[in-house]
C-alpha atoms as a PDB file:
ATOM      1  CA  UNK A   1       9.913  16.104  25.103  1.00  0.00           C
ATOM      2  CA  UNK A   2       8.578  13.663  27.665  1.00  0.00           C
ATOM      3  CA  UNK A   3       9.123   9.918  27.466  1.00  0.00           C
ATOM      4  CA  UNK A   4       6.518   7.254  28.225  1.00  0.00           C
ATOM      5  CA  UNK A   5       7.975   3.808  28.937  1.00  0.00           C
ATOM      6  CA  UNK A   6       5.784   0.888  27.907  1.00  0.00           C
ATOM      7  CA  UNK A   7       5.692  -2.358  29.833  1.00  0.00           C
ATOM      8  CA  UNK A   8       5.439  -4.590  26.761  1.00  0.00           C
ATOM      9  CA  UNK A   9       5.394  -4.323  22.961  1.00  0.00           C
ATOM     10  CA  UNK A  10       2.053  -3.084  21.604  1.00  0.00           C
ATOM     11  CA  UNK A  11      -0.099  -5.539  19.634  1.00  0.00           C
ATOM     12  CA  UNK A  12      -0.183  -4.505  15.971  1.00  0.00           C
ATOM     13  CA  UNK A  13      -3.514  -6.181  15.056  1.00  0.00           C
ATOM     14  CA  UNK A  14      -5.280  -4.316  17.851  1.00  0.00           C
ATOM     15  CA  UNK A  15      -3.561  -1.059  16.945  1.00  0.00           C
ATOM     16  CA  UNK A  16      -4.630  -1.217  13.298  1.00  0.00           C
ATOM     17  CA  UNK A  17      -8.219  -1.884  14.410  1.00  0.00           C
ATOM     18  CA  UNK A  18      -8.110   1.040  16.851  1.00  0.00           C
ATOM     19  CA  UNK A  19      -6.619   3.335  14.211  1.00  0.00           C
ATOM     20  CA  UNK A  20      -9.440   2.512  11.793  1.00  0.00           C
ATOM     21  CA  UNK A  21     -12.080   3.241  14.420  1.00  0.00           C
ATOM     22  CA  UNK A  22     -10.558   6.583  15.442  1.00  0.00           C
ATOM     23  CA  UNK A  23      -9.577   7.883  11.999  1.00  0.00           C
ATOM     24  CA  UNK A  24     -12.396  10.400  11.642  1.00  0.00           C
ATOM     25  CA  UNK A  25     -11.771  14.008  12.482  1.00  0.00           C
ATOM     26  CA  UNK A  26      -7.987  14.017  12.119  1.00  0.00           C
ATOM     27  CA  UNK A  27      -7.353  16.976   9.840  1.00  0.00           C
ATOM     28  CA  UNK A  28      -3.586  17.191  10.145  1.00  0.00           C
ATOM     29  CA  UNK A  29      -3.836  20.421  12.109  1.00  0.00           C
ATOM     30  CA  UNK A  30      -2.466  20.635  15.602  1.00  0.00           C
ATOM     31  CA  UNK A  31       0.829  19.662  17.204  1.00  0.00           C
ATOM     32  CA  UNK A  32       2.507  16.281  17.163  1.00  0.00           C
ATOM     33  CA  UNK A  33       2.545  14.346  20.456  1.00  0.00           C
ATOM     34  CA  UNK A  34       4.918  15.966  22.940  1.00  0.00           C
ATOM     35  CA  UNK A  35       6.237  12.610  24.114  1.00  0.00           C
ATOM     36  CA  UNK A  36       8.277   9.692  22.874  1.00  0.00           C
ATOM     37  CA  UNK A  37       7.450   6.036  23.491  1.00  0.00           C
ATOM     38  CA  UNK A  38      10.157   3.800  24.924  1.00  0.00           C
ATOM     39  CA  UNK A  39      10.510   0.042  25.313  1.00  0.00           C
ATOM     40  CA  UNK A  40      13.462  -1.267  27.306  1.00  0.00           C
ATOM     41  CA  UNK A  41      15.054  -4.667  27.764  1.00  0.00           C
ATOM     42  CA  UNK A  42      14.097  -5.987  24.324  1.00  0.00           C
ATOM     43  CA  UNK A  43      15.613  -9.402  23.637  1.00  0.00           C
ATOM     44  CA  UNK A  44      15.805 -10.828  20.141  1.00  0.00           C
ATOM     45  CA  UNK A  45      13.652 -13.880  19.434  1.00  0.00           C
ATOM     46  CA  UNK A  46      16.153 -16.006  17.537  1.00  0.00           C
ATOM     47  CA  UNK A  47      13.464 -18.167  15.932  1.00  0.00           C
ATOM     48  CA  UNK A  48      11.685 -15.126  14.562  1.00  0.00           C
ATOM     49  CA  UNK A  49      14.989 -13.615  13.464  1.00  0.00           C
ATOM     50  CA  UNK A  50      15.866 -16.827  11.604  1.00  0.00           C
ATOM     51  CA  UNK A  51      12.557 -16.792   9.721  1.00  0.00           C
ATOM     52  CA  UNK A  52      13.100 -13.143   8.799  1.00  0.00           C
ATOM     53  CA  UNK A  53      16.632 -13.805   7.558  1.00  0.00           C
ATOM     54  CA  UNK A  54      15.473 -16.750   5.462  1.00  0.00           C
ATOM     55  CA  UNK A  55      12.492 -14.885   4.011  1.00  0.00           C
ATOM     56  CA  UNK A  56      14.437 -11.756   3.024  1.00  0.00           C
ATOM     57  CA  UNK A  57      17.668 -13.501   2.003  1.00  0.00           C
ATOM     58  CA  UNK A  58      20.023 -12.298   4.748  1.00  0.00           C
ATOM     59  CA  UNK A  59      22.784 -14.600   6.024  1.00  0.00           C
ATOM     60  CA  UNK A  60      21.551 -16.795   8.851  1.00  0.00           C
ATOM     61  CA  UNK A  61      23.237 -16.096  12.174  1.00  0.00           C
ATOM     62  CA  UNK A  62      23.366 -13.806  15.207  1.00  0.00           C
ATOM     63  CA  UNK A  63      24.297 -10.640  13.283  1.00  0.00           C
ATOM     64  CA  UNK A  64      21.151  -8.504  13.035  1.00  0.00           C
ATOM     65  CA  UNK A  65      20.204  -7.456   9.490  1.00  0.00           C
ATOM     66  CA  UNK A  66      20.305  -3.762   8.599  1.00  0.00           C
ATOM     67  CA  UNK A  67      16.491  -3.557   8.744  1.00  0.00           C
ATOM     68  CA  UNK A  68      15.735  -5.761  11.752  1.00  0.00           C
ATOM     69  CA  UNK A  69      15.495  -2.915  14.327  1.00  0.00           C
ATOM     70  CA  UNK A  70      12.915  -1.296  12.014  1.00  0.00           C
ATOM     71  CA  UNK A  71      10.759  -4.387  12.544  1.00  0.00           C
ATOM     72  CA  UNK A  72      11.165  -4.123  16.321  1.00  0.00           C
ATOM     73  CA  UNK A  73      10.334  -0.406  16.315  1.00  0.00           C
ATOM     74  CA  UNK A  74       7.222  -0.585  14.129  1.00  0.00           C
ATOM     75  CA  UNK A  75       4.794  -1.416  16.978  1.00  0.00           C
ATOM     76  CA  UNK A  76       5.933   1.726  18.810  1.00  0.00           C
ATOM     77  CA  UNK A  77       5.463   3.787  15.641  1.00  0.00           C
ATOM     78  CA  UNK A  78       1.946   2.474  15.130  1.00  0.00           C
ATOM     79  CA  UNK A  79       1.073   2.914  18.813  1.00  0.00           C
ATOM     80  CA  UNK A  80       2.083   6.576  18.600  1.00  0.00           C
ATOM     81  CA  UNK A  81       0.125   7.149  15.366  1.00  0.00           C
ATOM     82  CA  UNK A  82      -2.980   5.274  16.537  1.00  0.00           C
ATOM     83  CA  UNK A  83      -3.475   7.451  19.614  1.00  0.00           C
ATOM     84  CA  UNK A  84      -6.084  10.187  19.458  1.00  0.00           C
ATOM     85  CA  UNK A  85      -3.620  13.041  19.908  1.00  0.00           C
ATOM     86  CA  UNK A  86      -1.780  12.151  16.682  1.00  0.00           C
ATOM     87  CA  UNK A  87      -3.042  14.680  14.103  1.00  0.00           C
ATOM     88  CA  UNK A  88      -3.006  12.381  11.038  1.00  0.00           C
ATOM     89  CA  UNK A  89      -5.213   9.336  10.508  1.00  0.00           C
ATOM     90  CA  UNK A  90      -3.122   6.184  10.217  1.00  0.00           C
ATOM     91  CA  UNK A  91      -5.308   4.523   7.535  1.00  0.00           C
ATOM     92  CA  UNK A  92      -4.218   5.963   4.204  1.00  0.00           C
ATOM     93  CA  UNK A  93      -0.737   7.067   5.287  1.00  0.00           C
ATOM     94  CA  UNK A  94       1.815   6.266   2.572  1.00  0.00           C
ATOM     95  CA  UNK A  95       5.333   5.160   3.556  1.00  0.00           C
ATOM     96  CA  UNK A  96       7.285   7.438   1.224  1.00  0.00           C
ATOM     97  CA  UNK A  97      10.911   7.144   2.360  1.00  0.00           C
ATOM     98  CA  UNK A  98      13.014   5.322   4.929  1.00  0.00           C
ATOM     99  CA  UNK A  99      16.538   6.197   6.070  1.00  0.00           C
ATOM    100  CA  UNK A 100      18.626   3.991   8.383  1.00  0.00           C
ATOM    101  CA  UNK A 101      21.997   4.422  10.052  1.00  0.00           C
ATOM    102  CA  UNK A 102      23.650   1.356  11.576  1.00  0.00           C
ATOM    103  CA  UNK A 103      26.236   2.900  13.896  1.00  0.00           C
ATOM    104  CA  UNK A 104      27.867  -0.458  14.574  1.00  0.00           C
ATOM    105  CA  UNK A 105      27.028  -4.110  13.938  1.00  0.00           C
ATOM    106  CA  UNK A 106      24.390  -5.558  16.260  1.00  0.00           C
ATOM    107  CA  UNK A 107      24.109  -9.053  17.675  1.00  0.00           C
ATOM    108  CA  UNK A 108      21.135 -11.140  18.752  1.00  0.00           C
ATOM    109  CA  UNK A 109      22.843 -11.526  22.132  1.00  0.00           C
ATOM    110  CA  UNK A 110      22.473  -7.838  22.954  1.00  0.00           C
ATOM    111  CA  UNK A 111      19.613  -6.336  24.956  1.00  0.00           C
ATOM    112  CA  UNK A 112      18.044  -3.386  23.140  1.00  0.00           C
ATOM    113  CA  UNK A 113      16.256  -0.239  24.306  1.00  0.00           C
ATOM    114  CA  UNK A 114      13.980   1.358  21.692  1.00  0.00           C
ATOM    115  CA  UNK A 115      12.595   4.909  21.572  1.00  0.00           C
ATOM    116  CA  UNK A 116      10.189   6.293  18.959  1.00  0.00           C
ATOM    117  CA  UNK A 117       9.079   9.892  18.463  1.00  0.00           C
ATOM    118  CA  UNK A 118       7.257  11.890  15.780  1.00  0.00           C
ATOM    119  CA  UNK A 119       8.718  15.075  14.378  1.00  0.00           C
ATOM    120  CA  UNK A 120       8.703  17.575  11.512  1.00  0.00           C
ATOM    121  CA  UNK A 121       5.057  17.681  10.440  1.00  0.00           C
ATOM    122  CA  UNK A 122       5.284  19.683   7.219  1.00  0.00           C
ATOM    123  CA  UNK A 123       3.564  20.505   3.964  1.00  0.00           C
ATOM    124  CA  UNK A 124       4.089  18.540   0.760  1.00  0.00           C
ATOM    125  CA  UNK A 125       2.864  19.283  -2.742  1.00  0.00           C
ATOM    126  CA  UNK A 126       0.354  16.423  -2.383  1.00  0.00           C
ATOM    127  CA  UNK A 127      -0.529  16.705   1.309  1.00  0.00           C
ATOM    128  CA  UNK A 128       1.392  16.509   4.579  1.00  0.00           C
ATOM    129  CA  UNK A 129       4.587  14.717   5.620  1.00  0.00           C
ATOM    130  CA  UNK A 130       5.627  13.475   9.046  1.00  0.00           C
ATOM    131  CA  UNK A 131       8.723  11.615  10.264  1.00  0.00           C
ATOM    132  CA  UNK A 132       8.704   8.770  12.793  1.00  0.00           C
ATOM    133  CA  UNK A 133      12.180   8.437  14.291  1.00  0.00           C
ATOM    134  CA  UNK A 134      13.331   5.203  15.940  1.00  0.00           C
ATOM    135  CA  UNK A 135      16.476   5.056  18.050  1.00  0.00           C
ATOM    136  CA  UNK A 136      18.039   1.888  19.444  1.00  0.00           C
ATOM    137  CA  UNK A 137      20.494   1.820  22.336  1.00  0.00           C
ATOM    138  CA  UNK A 138      22.635  -0.894  23.912  1.00  0.00           C
ATOM    139  CA  UNK A 139      23.755  -0.123  27.471  1.00  0.00           C
ATOM    140  CA  UNK A 140      23.153   3.581  26.872  1.00  0.00           C
ATOM    141  CA  UNK A 141      25.011   3.724  23.545  1.00  0.00           C
ATOM    142  CA  UNK A 142      23.024   4.677  20.442  1.00  0.00           C
ATOM    143  CA  UNK A 143      23.657   1.905  17.911  1.00  0.00           C
ATOM    144  CA  UNK A 144      20.915   2.283  15.286  1.00  0.00           C
ATOM    145  CA  UNK A 145      18.722   5.124  13.995  1.00  0.00           C
ATOM    146  CA  UNK A 146      15.837   5.005  11.550  1.00  0.00           C
ATOM    147  CA  UNK A 147      13.658   7.726  10.051  1.00  0.00           C
ATOM    148  CA  UNK A 148      10.381   6.730   8.373  1.00  0.00           C
ATOM    149  CA  UNK A 149       8.682   9.444   6.328  1.00  0.00           C
ATOM    150  CA  UNK A 150       4.937   9.140   5.802  1.00  0.00           C
ATOM    151  CA  UNK A 151       2.682  11.097   3.442  1.00  0.00           C
ATOM    152  CA  UNK A 152      -0.940  11.939   4.142  1.00  0.00           C
ATOM    153  CA  UNK A 153      -2.471  12.737   0.764  1.00  0.00           C
ATOM    154  CA  UNK A 154      -5.002  15.527   0.495  1.00  0.00           C
ATOM    155  CA  UNK A 155      -4.901  19.173  -0.509  1.00  0.00           C
ATOM    156  CA  UNK A 156      -2.118  20.868  -2.389  1.00  0.00           C
ATOM    157  CA  UNK A 157       0.634  23.130  -1.121  1.00  0.00           C
ATOM    158  CA  UNK A 158       2.996  25.412  -2.983  1.00  0.00           C
ATOM    159  CA  UNK A 159       6.219  24.146  -1.412  1.00  0.00           C
ATOM    160  CA  UNK A 160       9.610  23.161  -2.747  1.00  0.00           C
ATOM    161  CA  UNK A 161       9.851  19.437  -3.522  1.00  0.00           C
ATOM    162  CA  UNK A 162      11.997  17.232  -1.255  1.00  0.00           C
ATOM    163  CA  UNK A 163      15.501  16.334  -2.355  1.00  0.00           C
ATOM    164  CA  UNK A 164      15.335  14.093  -5.393  1.00  0.00           C
ATOM    165  CA  UNK A 165      16.227  10.425  -5.210  1.00  0.00           C
ATOM    166  CA  UNK A 166      19.069   9.124  -7.348  1.00  0.00           C
ATOM    167  CA  UNK A 167      18.162   7.606 -10.683  1.00  0.00           C
ATOM    168  CA  UNK A 168      17.516   3.876 -10.616  1.00  0.00           C
ATOM    169  CA  UNK A 169      20.333   2.051 -12.417  1.00  0.00           C
ATOM    170  CA  UNK A 170      19.753   0.922 -15.984  1.00  0.00           C
ATOM    171  CA  UNK A 171      21.168  -2.200 -17.619  1.00  0.00           C
ATOM    172  CA  UNK A 172      20.710  -5.909 -17.260  1.00  0.00           C
ATOM    173  CA  UNK A 173      19.080  -7.136 -14.040  1.00  0.00           C
ATOM    174  CA  UNK A 174      21.274  -8.511 -11.299  1.00  0.00           C
ATOM    175  CA  UNK A 175      18.316 -10.657 -10.227  1.00  0.00           C
ATOM    176  CA  UNK A 176      14.699 -11.367 -11.123  1.00  0.00           C
ATOM    177  CA  UNK A 177      12.295 -12.224  -8.301  1.00  0.00           C
ATOM    178  CA  UNK A 178       8.872 -13.832  -8.682  1.00  0.00           C
ATOM    179  CA  UNK A 179       6.814 -12.909  -5.643  1.00  0.00           C
ATOM    180  CA  UNK A 180       3.732 -15.095  -5.045  1.00  0.00           C
ATOM    181  CA  UNK A 181       0.359 -13.873  -3.887  1.00  0.00           C
ATOM    182  CA  UNK A 182       1.022 -14.818  -0.261  1.00  0.00           C
ATOM    183  CA  UNK A 183       4.215 -12.716  -0.012  1.00  0.00           C
ATOM    184  CA  UNK A 184       2.497 -10.114   2.170  1.00  0.00           C
ATOM    185  CA  UNK A 185       1.104 -12.736   4.536  1.00  0.00           C
ATOM    186  CA  UNK A 186       4.490 -14.442   4.832  1.00  0.00           C
ATOM    187  CA  UNK A 187       6.214 -11.157   5.671  1.00  0.00           C
ATOM    188  CA  UNK A 188       3.454 -10.240   8.125  1.00  0.00           C
ATOM    189  CA  UNK A 189       3.958 -13.564   9.910  1.00  0.00           C
ATOM    190  CA  UNK A 190       7.592 -12.739  10.745  1.00  0.00           C
ATOM    191  CA  UNK A 191       7.421  -8.935  11.015  1.00  0.00           C
ATOM    192  CA  UNK A 192       4.058  -8.574  12.740  1.00  0.00           C
ATOM    193  CA  UNK A 193       2.987  -5.905  10.221  1.00  0.00           C
ATOM    194  CA  UNK A 194      -0.595  -7.013   9.554  1.00  0.00           C
ATOM    195  CA  UNK A 195      -1.732  -3.893   7.694  1.00  0.00           C
ATOM    196  CA  UNK A 196      -4.670  -5.277   5.640  1.00  0.00           C
ATOM    197  CA  UNK A 197      -3.434  -3.774   2.349  1.00  0.00           C
ATOM    198  CA  UNK A 198      -0.736  -6.466   2.328  1.00  0.00           C
ATOM    199  CA  UNK A 199      -2.711  -9.540   3.327  1.00  0.00           C
ATOM    200  CA  UNK A 200      -5.475 -10.378   0.859  1.00  0.00           C
ATOM    201  CA  UNK A 201      -7.058  -8.987  -2.333  1.00  0.00           C
ATOM    202  CA  UNK A 202     -10.359  -8.342  -0.555  1.00  0.00           C
ATOM    203  CA  UNK A 203      -8.852  -6.299   2.286  1.00  0.00           C
ATOM    204  CA  UNK A 204      -6.584  -4.493  -0.174  1.00  0.00           C
ATOM    205  CA  UNK A 205      -9.566  -3.545  -2.374  1.00  0.00           C
ATOM    206  CA  UNK A 206     -11.287  -2.030   0.649  1.00  0.00           C
ATOM    207  CA  UNK A 207      -8.286   0.318   0.870  1.00  0.00           C
ATOM    208  CA  UNK A 208      -8.321   1.198  -2.840  1.00  0.00           C
ATOM    209  CA  UNK A 209      -5.858  -1.337  -4.289  1.00  0.00           C
ATOM    210  CA  UNK A 210      -6.786  -3.902  -6.967  1.00  0.00           C
ATOM    211  CA  UNK A 211      -4.750  -6.622  -5.213  1.00  0.00           C
ATOM    212  CA  UNK A 212      -2.632  -7.006  -2.099  1.00  0.00           C
ATOM    213  CA  UNK A 213       0.638  -5.091  -2.251  1.00  0.00           C
ATOM    214  CA  UNK A 214       4.073  -6.064  -0.939  1.00  0.00           C
ATOM    215  CA  UNK A 215       5.348  -4.387   2.219  1.00  0.00           C
ATOM    216  CA  UNK A 216       7.779  -1.652   1.284  1.00  0.00           C
ATOM    217  CA  UNK A 217      10.213  -2.682   4.009  1.00  0.00           C
ATOM    218  CA  UNK A 218      10.067  -6.284   2.787  1.00  0.00           C
ATOM    219  CA  UNK A 219      11.182  -5.134  -0.668  1.00  0.00           C
ATOM    220  CA  UNK A 220      13.870  -2.876   0.826  1.00  0.00           C
ATOM    221  CA  UNK A 221      15.171  -5.697   3.018  1.00  0.00           C
ATOM    222  CA  UNK A 222      15.388  -8.074   0.046  1.00  0.00           C
ATOM    223  CA  UNK A 223      17.406  -5.486  -1.886  1.00  0.00           C
ATOM    224  CA  UNK A 224      19.804  -4.909   1.024  1.00  0.00           C
ATOM    225  CA  UNK A 225      20.217  -8.657   1.497  1.00  0.00           C
ATOM    226  CA  UNK A 226      21.036  -9.021  -2.206  1.00  0.00           C
ATOM    227  CA  UNK A 227      23.798  -6.393  -1.879  1.00  0.00           C
ATOM    228  CA  UNK A 228      25.681  -8.674   0.495  1.00  0.00           C
ATOM    229  CA  UNK A 229      26.502  -9.133   4.205  1.00  0.00           C
ATOM    230  CA  UNK A 230      28.351  -5.797   4.414  1.00  0.00           C
ATOM    231  CA  UNK A 231      24.964  -4.057   4.673  1.00  0.00           C
ATOM    232  CA  UNK A 232      24.603  -5.333   8.245  1.00  0.00           C
ATOM    233  CA  UNK A 233      27.772  -3.511   9.276  1.00  0.00           C
ATOM    234  CA  UNK A 234      28.210   0.184  10.025  1.00  0.00           C
ATOM    235  CA  UNK A 235      26.442   1.858   7.127  1.00  0.00           C
ATOM    236  CA  UNK A 236      23.650   4.134   5.940  1.00  0.00           C
ATOM    237  CA  UNK A 237      20.751   3.448   3.619  1.00  0.00           C
ATOM    238  CA  UNK A 238      17.991   5.544   2.110  1.00  0.00           C
ATOM    239  CA  UNK A 239      15.071   4.079   0.211  1.00  0.00           C
ATOM    240  CA  UNK A 240      12.476   5.968  -1.824  1.00  0.00           C
ATOM    241  CA  UNK A 241       9.271   4.034  -2.418  1.00  0.00           C
ATOM    242  CA  UNK A 242       7.608   4.553  -5.793  1.00  0.00           C
ATOM    243  CA  UNK A 243       4.758   2.496  -7.289  1.00  0.00           C
ATOM    244  CA  UNK A 244       3.121  -0.215  -5.144  1.00  0.00           C
ATOM    245  CA  UNK A 245       4.204  -3.761  -5.962  1.00  0.00           C
ATOM    246  CA  UNK A 246       1.020  -5.717  -6.658  1.00  0.00           C
ATOM    247  CA  UNK A 247       1.005  -9.399  -5.679  1.00  0.00           C
ATOM    248  CA  UNK A 248       1.655 -11.765  -7.282  1.00  0.00           C
ATOM    249  CA  UNK A 249       4.320  -9.938  -9.274  1.00  0.00           C
ATOM    250  CA  UNK A 250       7.701 -10.261 -10.943  1.00  0.00           C
ATOM    251  CA  UNK A 251      10.391  -7.638 -10.376  1.00  0.00           C
ATOM    252  CA  UNK A 252      13.924  -7.039 -11.606  1.00  0.00           C
ATOM    253  CA  UNK A 253      16.787  -5.723  -9.502  1.00  0.00           C
ATOM    254  CA  UNK A 254      19.440  -3.464 -11.034  1.00  0.00           C
ATOM    255  CA  UNK A 255      22.594  -2.472  -9.153  1.00  0.00           C
ATOM    256  CA  UNK A 256      25.214   0.240  -9.691  1.00  0.00           C
ATOM    257  CA  UNK A 257      28.323  -0.043  -7.489  1.00  0.00           C
ATOM    258  CA  UNK A 258      30.106   3.303  -7.338  1.00  0.00           C
ATOM    259  CA  UNK A 259      33.390   4.720  -6.108  1.00  0.00           C
ATOM    260  CA  UNK A 260      33.837   4.869  -2.359  1.00  0.00           C
ATOM    261  CA  UNK A 261      31.644   1.832  -1.754  1.00  0.00           C
ATOM    262  CA  UNK A 262      28.311   3.542  -2.470  1.00  0.00           C
ATOM    263  CA  UNK A 263      25.678   1.349  -4.105  1.00  0.00           C
ATOM    264  CA  UNK A 264      22.474   2.464  -5.830  1.00  0.00           C
ATOM    265  CA  UNK A 265      19.849  -0.178  -6.585  1.00  0.00           C
ATOM    266  CA  UNK A 266      16.471  -0.104  -8.282  1.00  0.00           C
ATOM    267  CA  UNK A 267      13.509  -2.467  -8.231  1.00  0.00           C
ATOM    268  CA  UNK A 268      11.240  -2.393 -11.280  1.00  0.00           C
ATOM    269  CA  UNK A 269       8.413  -4.398 -12.743  1.00  0.00           C
ATOM    270  CA  UNK A 270       9.705  -7.100 -15.077  1.00  0.00           C
ATOM    271  CA  UNK A 271       8.629  -5.111 -18.152  1.00  0.00           C
ATOM    272  CA  UNK A 272      10.454  -2.038 -16.819  1.00  0.00           C
ATOM    273  CA  UNK A 273       7.370   0.196 -16.953  1.00  0.00           C
ATOM    274  CA  UNK A 274       6.956   0.620 -13.185  1.00  0.00           C
ATOM    275  CA  UNK A 275       9.643   1.656 -10.718  1.00  0.00           C
ATOM    276  CA  UNK A 276       8.893   0.277  -7.263  1.00  0.00           C
ATOM    277  CA  UNK A 277      11.823   1.664  -5.282  1.00  0.00           C
ATOM    278  CA  UNK A 278      15.252   3.238  -5.456  1.00  0.00           C
ATOM    279  CA  UNK A 279      17.740   2.487  -2.672  1.00  0.00           C
ATOM    280  CA  UNK A 280      21.154   3.938  -1.874  1.00  0.00           C
ATOM    281  CA  UNK A 281      23.578   2.349   0.585  1.00  0.00           C
ATOM    282  CA  UNK A 282      27.094   3.180   1.679  1.00  0.00           C
ATOM    283  CA  UNK A 283      29.437   1.995   4.420  1.00  0.00           C
ATOM    284  CA  UNK A 284      30.471   4.396   7.162  1.00  0.00           C
ATOM    285  CA  UNK A 285      33.799   4.571   9.020  1.00  0.00           C
END
């Protein structure tokens, strides 16, 4: 696979506009791009990092949260998917799962090199799946890996279902969060993810939602932050996104701490009728 090195981070607002204009005619057939996108010499904006830590509930400091490299890699993901040779239209893609491995703790002082590629376009019972893989290096050492799985709905395929997620824990909530209507705009301001489904009821309705919905990675980050500072150390997480979280909304967090340090957490609507996500996390040696 070839590698294309970018001179600067892509602009997400422009990419979302381009993706909307070029969405027609992408059937899902054809190969994935035979190149990765790379951005080198990335330095952490400490002011932006601070706002992210405060918004999601992570400890304030130079240690990078478990999910922060995902934020840095998203513009490369969207750039790859917005280009005309990507077989799936970006508008309408559903972020179904996200898996992260933090190989070792990261610091805001370090200079990061990011690489993003697409792989494993495959059939799903409700459409097509594709993975966007982000790798982060420091001085040539791989320190962080993320795999985002997206679903393009449409058509049906007789294929075996993916591996099932663990059951969301039952019991009394460990926390109850009331998320105001501007939650999506606040997260977009620090993450740069200005997908219109998250920003305003009017733009969300144009995409088929009754109200704006919370960013999935915002919800996942809040859960990881609630599990404690150990999540920013060497560890692995896997989150399965379920029902969209409409804004404003109230959600309850349930947590099951298991043997060996594994934790399974669930985020549900306050009445318990809707499951928004299930997340597993465990430390690694």
